[in-house]
Amino acid sequence: MKRIIRMGILVVLITSILSGCILIEKDSLTLGSRNNTESIILSHVMGQIIENKTDIKVIYKENLGGSNVVWNAMVNGHIDVIPDYTGTIVVNYYHADPGTAEETLETTKRLVDGDGIIAFNTFGFNNTYTLALDEAKAEELDVHTFSDFAAYSEDFTLGAVFEFIDRPDGLPGFQEEYGLKFKDVKGMDHGIMYRSIGAKEVDVINSYTTDGQLQDYDLRVLEDDKSYFPPYHALPLVRKETLKDYPEIEDVLRQLEGMIDEEAMQKMNAKVDNEGMMVERVAQEFLEESGLIGKAS
């Protein structure tokens, strides 16, 4: 009799645990991000506003890897929501031709729709590739544009993120377009690039226009005078199945449209990369200061 009672209790416990797991799964969604500061901040901005304005629990999957890794996880249904960039989607994932910012956004929406994903309008900033080198050296050579730099590139060692070296919209086409021939190319993680140029281990880096570290290093950001790089406007992507289960998040995420410009994003990145602030706090501060959520008491 005691054995039967114990078995009954065990069944009840297992059922309760499984029910709890099902409940958590049903009332939660997963936000993914790349292995860089900006992507993680944007995922927390989206996650915090969702949790603030709905009863949905957000699970963060951070530092998943480069853009292709995160994209494959999204397409295969392993994550529900991600931040991404229009130019990356059009050129890198679908190998299509970009256009103006507006054209690239519309192409993005059309392409991802075929994979069961909804692309929202952009956060408001364009984070494109650029080159940055020591300000004093740039002044000495009178270099302001990529075309100016091409005449001296053979004397420079480039520090570049691994992904940029291999991507079709990255280094190979960029070199061909401008006739760039570097003395050497060193692949590295994004966070190491600035330390490397500060230590003079490399002479020029492929930075991003919203990099927070640009505020801490005396570098000149060069102009893409031939407009080689497509627009890279950041935006939220959500799986259609997720929107079907949680239609309320559409109105919530649309509140972020046009709310983050280049300066605001660079400042958020700098708070994490330069000041060591926690990503969660930086995202919360932005949402509070923008009036998107109430200030915590």
Protein backbone atom coordinates (compact mmCIF):
# COMPACT_ATOMS: atom_id res chain seq x y z
CA MET A 1 0.00 0.00 0.00
CA LYS A 2 2.83 2.39 0.91
CA ARG A 3 4.51 1.54 -2.41
CA ILE A 4 1.33 2.49 -4.28
CA ILE A 5 1.06 5.77 -2.37
CA ARG A 6 4.71 6.59 -3.07
CA MET A 7 4.22 5.84 -6.75
CA GLY A 8 1.13 8.04 -6.79
CA ILE A 9 3.03 10.92 -5.24
CA LEU A 10 5.84 10.45 -7.75
CA VAL A 11 3.40 10.58 -10.66
CA VAL A 12 1.86 13.77 -9.28
CA LEU A 13 5.29 15.38 -8.89
CA ILE A 14 6.39 14.43 -12.39
CA THR A 15 3.11 15.69 -13.83
CA SER A 16 3.49 18.98 -11.95
CA ILE A 17 7.07 19.44 -13.15
CA LEU A 18 6.15 18.70 -16.75
CA SER A 19 3.13 20.99 -16.52
CA GLY A 20 5.38 23.74 -15.23
CA CYS A 21 7.78 23.21 -18.11
CA ILE A 22 4.96 23.34 -20.60
CA LEU A 23 3.61 26.50 -18.99
CA ILE A 24 7.01 28.20 -19.14
CA GLU A 25 7.47 27.14 -22.75
CA LYS A 26 3.99 28.33 -23.71
CA ASP A 27 4.39 31.71 -22.03
CA SER A 28 7.92 32.48 -23.16
CA LEU A 29 9.83 33.36 -26.29
CA THR A 30 13.51 33.24 -27.12
CA LEU A 31 15.59 36.20 -28.27
CA GLY A 32 18.87 35.48 -30.01
CA SER A 33 21.89 37.68 -30.59
CA ARG A 34 25.27 37.59 -32.31
CA ASN A 35 28.58 37.60 -30.52
CA ASN A 36 28.93 41.38 -30.39
CA THR A 37 27.89 44.12 -28.00
CA GLU A 38 25.40 45.87 -30.25
CA SER A 39 23.43 42.76 -31.07
CA ILE A 40 23.19 41.81 -27.40
CA ILE A 41 22.08 45.32 -26.41
CA LEU A 42 19.36 45.35 -29.08
CA SER A 43 18.10 41.95 -27.98
CA HIS A 44 17.78 43.26 -24.42
CA VAL A 45 16.05 46.43 -25.60
CA MET A 46 13.46 44.27 -27.37
CA GLY A 47 13.23 41.77 -24.54
CA GLN A 48 12.77 44.32 -21.80
CA ILE A 49 10.04 46.24 -23.59
CA ILE A 50 8.23 42.97 -24.31
CA GLU A 51 8.39 41.88 -20.67
CA ASN A 52 7.41 45.36 -19.48
CA LYS A 53 4.30 45.59 -21.63
CA THR A 54 3.14 41.95 -21.77
CA ASP A 55 3.01 38.88 -19.55
CA ILE A 56 5.50 37.05 -21.78
CA LYS A 57 8.75 35.76 -20.30
CA VAL A 58 11.83 36.38 -22.43
CA ILE A 59 14.67 33.86 -22.62
CA TYR A 60 17.96 35.28 -23.96
CA LYS A 61 20.32 33.24 -26.11
CA GLU A 62 23.35 35.52 -26.33
CA ASN A 63 26.66 35.24 -28.17
CA LEU A 64 25.37 32.56 -30.51
CA GLY A 65 28.06 33.33 -33.08
CA GLY A 66 28.29 35.28 -36.33
CA SER A 67 25.40 36.43 -38.47
CA ASN A 68 25.01 33.17 -40.39
CA VAL A 69 24.84 31.10 -37.21
CA VAL A 70 22.11 33.30 -35.73
CA TRP A 71 20.22 33.44 -39.02
CA ASN A 72 20.18 29.65 -39.38
CA ALA A 73 18.90 29.30 -35.82
CA MET A 74 16.11 31.76 -36.65
CA VAL A 75 15.10 30.08 -39.91
CA ASN A 76 15.10 26.65 -38.25
CA GLY A 77 12.88 27.83 -35.41
CA HIS A 78 15.39 27.55 -32.57
CA ILE A 79 14.92 31.23 -31.67
CA ASP A 80 11.91 33.51 -32.10
CA VAL A 81 13.17 37.08 -32.31
CA ILE A 82 16.49 38.64 -33.37
CA PRO A 83 17.90 42.01 -34.31
CA ASP A 84 19.55 42.05 -37.75
CA TYR A 85 20.55 44.39 -40.56
CA THR A 86 18.96 45.01 -43.94
CA GLY A 87 22.15 44.84 -45.99
CA THR A 88 23.27 41.65 -44.25
CA ILE A 89 19.94 39.99 -44.96
CA VAL A 90 19.72 40.98 -48.61
CA VAL A 91 23.35 40.46 -49.65
CA ASN A 92 24.73 37.87 -47.24
CA TYR A 93 21.74 35.56 -46.68
CA TYR A 94 19.88 35.82 -49.98
CA HIS A 95 22.66 37.00 -52.33
CA ALA A 96 20.35 39.61 -53.79
CA ASP A 97 21.10 43.16 -54.93
CA PRO A 98 20.54 45.98 -52.43
CA GLY A 99 19.49 49.49 -53.36
CA THR A 100 18.67 52.63 -51.45
CA ALA A 101 17.83 52.35 -47.78
CA GLU A 102 14.12 52.18 -48.59
CA GLU A 103 14.61 49.66 -51.40
CA THR A 104 16.81 47.46 -49.25
CA LEU A 105 14.23 47.47 -46.45
CA GLU A 106 11.42 46.50 -48.82
CA THR A 107 13.58 43.75 -50.34
CA THR A 108 14.35 42.52 -46.83
CA LYS A 109 10.66 42.28 -45.94
CA ARG A 110 9.86 40.40 -49.14
CA LEU A 111 12.72 37.92 -48.87
CA VAL A 112 12.30 36.94 -45.21
CA ASP A 113 8.55 36.55 -45.66
CA GLY A 114 9.26 33.48 -47.78
CA ASP A 115 11.06 31.89 -44.82
CA GLY A 116 8.21 32.49 -42.39
CA ILE A 117 9.70 35.62 -40.85
CA ILE A 118 8.34 39.15 -40.47
CA ALA A 119 10.74 42.10 -40.75
CA PHE A 120 9.60 45.23 -38.91
CA ASN A 121 10.58 48.77 -39.78
CA THR A 122 14.04 49.82 -38.64
CA PHE A 123 15.19 51.03 -35.24
CA GLY A 124 16.47 54.16 -36.98
CA PHE A 125 20.23 53.78 -37.39
CA ASN A 126 22.52 52.52 -40.12
CA ASN A 127 25.54 50.57 -38.87
CA THR A 128 27.72 50.15 -41.92
CA TYR A 129 31.28 48.97 -42.41
CA THR A 130 34.06 51.51 -42.55
CA LEU A 131 37.83 51.77 -42.17
CA ALA A 132 39.46 53.58 -39.28
CA LEU A 133 43.11 54.51 -38.87
CA ASP A 134 45.25 56.70 -36.64
CA GLU A 135 44.13 60.32 -36.95
CA ALA A 136 47.68 61.67 -37.10
CA LYS A 137 48.62 59.24 -39.86
CA ALA A 138 45.47 60.03 -41.81
CA GLU A 139 46.22 63.75 -41.53
CA GLU A 140 49.81 63.22 -42.64
CA LEU A 141 48.67 61.32 -45.76
CA ASP A 142 45.62 63.56 -46.31
CA VAL A 143 43.37 60.51 -46.37
CA HIS A 144 39.62 61.03 -45.99
CA THR A 145 38.00 58.44 -48.26
CA PHE A 146 38.49 54.80 -49.21
CA SER A 147 39.74 55.98 -52.59
CA ASP A 148 42.34 58.21 -50.91
CA PHE A 149 43.46 55.29 -48.77
CA ALA A 150 43.83 52.91 -51.74
CA ALA A 151 47.04 54.68 -52.81
CA TYR A 152 48.70 53.74 -49.49
CA SER A 153 46.99 50.45 -48.58
CA GLU A 154 50.02 48.28 -49.45
CA ASP A 155 51.84 49.77 -46.47
CA PHE A 156 49.04 48.93 -44.00
CA THR A 157 48.15 45.81 -42.05
CA LEU A 158 44.40 45.40 -41.71
CA GLY A 159 42.77 44.10 -38.55
CA ALA A 160 39.34 42.70 -39.43
CA VAL A 161 36.68 40.54 -37.82
CA PHE A 162 36.75 37.00 -39.17
CA GLU A 163 33.28 37.32 -40.66
CA PHE A 164 34.17 40.43 -42.67
CA ILE A 165 37.11 38.61 -44.28
CA ASP A 166 34.85 35.90 -45.72
CA ARG A 167 31.48 37.55 -46.35
CA PRO A 168 30.46 38.29 -49.95
CA ASP A 169 29.61 41.86 -48.93
CA GLY A 170 32.89 42.11 -47.01
CA LEU A 171 36.59 42.18 -47.79
CA PRO A 172 36.86 40.39 -51.20
CA GLY A 173 34.46 42.67 -53.06
CA PHE A 174 35.60 45.71 -51.09
CA GLN A 175 39.22 45.19 -52.15
CA GLU A 176 38.23 44.72 -55.75
CA GLU A 177 36.00 47.80 -55.83
CA TYR A 178 38.69 50.15 -54.47
CA GLY A 179 41.83 48.36 -55.64
CA LEU A 180 43.04 47.77 -52.09
CA LYS A 181 46.13 45.63 -51.49
CA PHE A 182 47.00 45.31 -47.82
CA LYS A 183 50.45 44.36 -46.56
CA ASP A 184 48.73 41.78 -44.36
CA VAL A 185 45.26 40.93 -43.07
CA LYS A 186 44.80 39.68 -39.51
CA GLY A 187 41.49 38.13 -38.49
CA MET A 188 40.30 38.77 -34.94
CA ASP A 189 37.27 39.20 -32.73
CA HIS A 190 35.57 42.58 -32.82
CA GLY A 191 36.58 43.60 -29.29
CA ILE A 192 40.25 42.91 -29.96
CA MET A 193 40.48 45.17 -33.02
CA TYR A 194 40.68 48.40 -31.06
CA ARG A 195 43.23 47.06 -28.60
CA SER A 196 45.28 45.84 -31.57
CA ILE A 197 45.33 49.19 -33.33
CA GLY A 198 46.03 50.94 -30.02
CA ALA A 199 49.02 48.64 -29.53
CA LYS A 200 50.07 49.24 -33.16
CA GLU A 201 49.78 45.54 -33.96
CA VAL A 202 47.67 46.58 -36.95
CA ASP A 203 47.51 49.89 -38.82
CA VAL A 204 43.86 50.07 -39.90
CA ILE A 205 40.69 48.27 -38.82
CA ASN A 206 37.31 47.51 -40.34
CA SER A 207 35.21 49.25 -37.74
CA TYR A 208 31.48 49.87 -37.65
CA THR A 209 29.99 53.35 -37.61
CA THR A 210 28.26 52.76 -34.26
CA ASP A 211 31.27 51.26 -32.44
CA GLY A 212 31.49 52.64 -28.93
CA GLN A 213 35.28 52.32 -28.95
CA LEU A 214 35.51 55.06 -31.58
CA GLN A 215 34.93 57.48 -28.70
CA ASP A 216 38.04 56.25 -26.86
CA TYR A 217 40.57 56.05 -29.70
CA ASP A 218 41.94 58.90 -31.80
CA LEU A 219 40.95 57.39 -35.15
CA ARG A 220 39.73 58.83 -38.43
CA VAL A 221 36.73 57.08 -39.92
CA LEU A 222 37.00 57.05 -43.70
CA GLU A 223 34.22 57.72 -46.17
CA ASP A 224 32.86 55.05 -48.50
CA ASP A 225 32.98 57.48 -51.45
CA LYS A 226 31.79 54.92 -54.02
CA SER A 227 28.95 53.70 -51.76
CA TYR A 228 30.19 50.14 -52.03
CA PHE A 229 28.63 48.92 -48.81
CA PRO A 230 24.85 48.57 -48.82
CA PRO A 231 22.65 50.14 -46.13
CA TYR A 232 22.80 48.20 -42.88
CA HIS A 233 19.77 49.48 -41.00
CA ALA A 234 19.05 47.48 -37.86
CA LEU A 235 15.55 46.09 -37.34
CA PRO A 236 13.62 43.43 -35.41
CA LEU A 237 12.84 40.09 -37.05
CA VAL A 238 10.11 37.81 -35.67
CA ARG A 239 8.99 34.38 -36.75
CA LYS A 240 5.41 34.27 -38.07
CA GLU A 241 4.62 31.37 -35.77
CA THR A 242 5.73 33.46 -32.81
CA LEU A 243 3.49 36.36 -33.84
CA LYS A 244 0.60 33.92 -34.22
CA ASP A 245 1.14 32.69 -30.66
CA TYR A 246 1.87 36.16 -29.24
CA PRO A 247 0.21 38.78 -31.47
CA GLU A 248 0.62 41.42 -28.75
CA ILE A 249 4.37 41.70 -29.36
CA GLU A 250 3.80 43.28 -32.78
CA ASP A 251 2.46 46.53 -31.32
CA VAL A 252 5.16 46.47 -28.65
CA LEU A 253 8.07 46.09 -31.06
CA ARG A 254 6.66 48.71 -33.41
CA GLN A 255 7.13 51.23 -30.61
CA LEU A 256 10.89 50.93 -31.22
CA GLU A 257 10.59 52.10 -34.84
CA GLY A 258 12.86 55.09 -35.48
CA MET A 259 13.79 55.38 -31.79
CA ILE A 260 17.55 54.69 -32.02
CA ASP A 261 19.84 56.86 -34.14
CA GLU A 262 23.57 56.32 -34.78
CA GLU A 263 24.63 58.55 -31.87
CA ALA A 264 22.33 56.81 -29.41
CA MET A 265 23.53 53.37 -30.47
CA GLN A 266 27.18 54.40 -30.29
CA LYS A 267 26.64 55.74 -26.77
CA MET A 268 25.01 52.50 -25.66
CA ASN A 269 27.85 50.47 -27.13
CA ALA A 270 30.37 52.73 -25.40
CA LYS A 271 28.72 52.28 -22.01
CA VAL A 272 29.26 48.54 -22.28
CA ASP A 273 32.61 48.40 -24.08
CA ASN A 274 34.32 51.42 -22.54
CA GLU A 275 32.67 51.84 -19.14
CA GLY A 276 31.94 48.21 -18.33
CA MET A 277 28.23 48.69 -17.68
CA MET A 278 25.97 45.64 -17.75
CA VAL A 279 24.04 45.21 -20.99
CA GLU A 280 20.79 44.81 -19.08
CA ARG A 281 21.24 48.18 -17.37
CA VAL A 282 22.18 49.98 -20.58
CA ALA A 283 19.07 48.68 -22.33
CA GLN A 284 16.90 49.63 -19.36
CA GLU A 285 18.32 53.16 -19.22
CA PHE A 286 17.65 53.69 -22.92
CA LEU A 287 14.05 52.51 -22.64
CA GLU A 288 13.42 54.64 -19.56
CA GLU A 289 15.05 57.78 -20.95
CA SER A 290 13.13 57.35 -24.23
CA GLY A 291 9.85 57.12 -22.31
CA LEU A 292 9.17 53.65 -23.69
CA ILE A 293 8.92 52.13 -20.22
CA GLY A 294 8.41 53.66 -16.79
CA LYS A 295 11.38 54.23 -14.52
CA ALA A 296 11.95 51.54 -11.95
CA SER A 297 11.14 52.65 -8.41
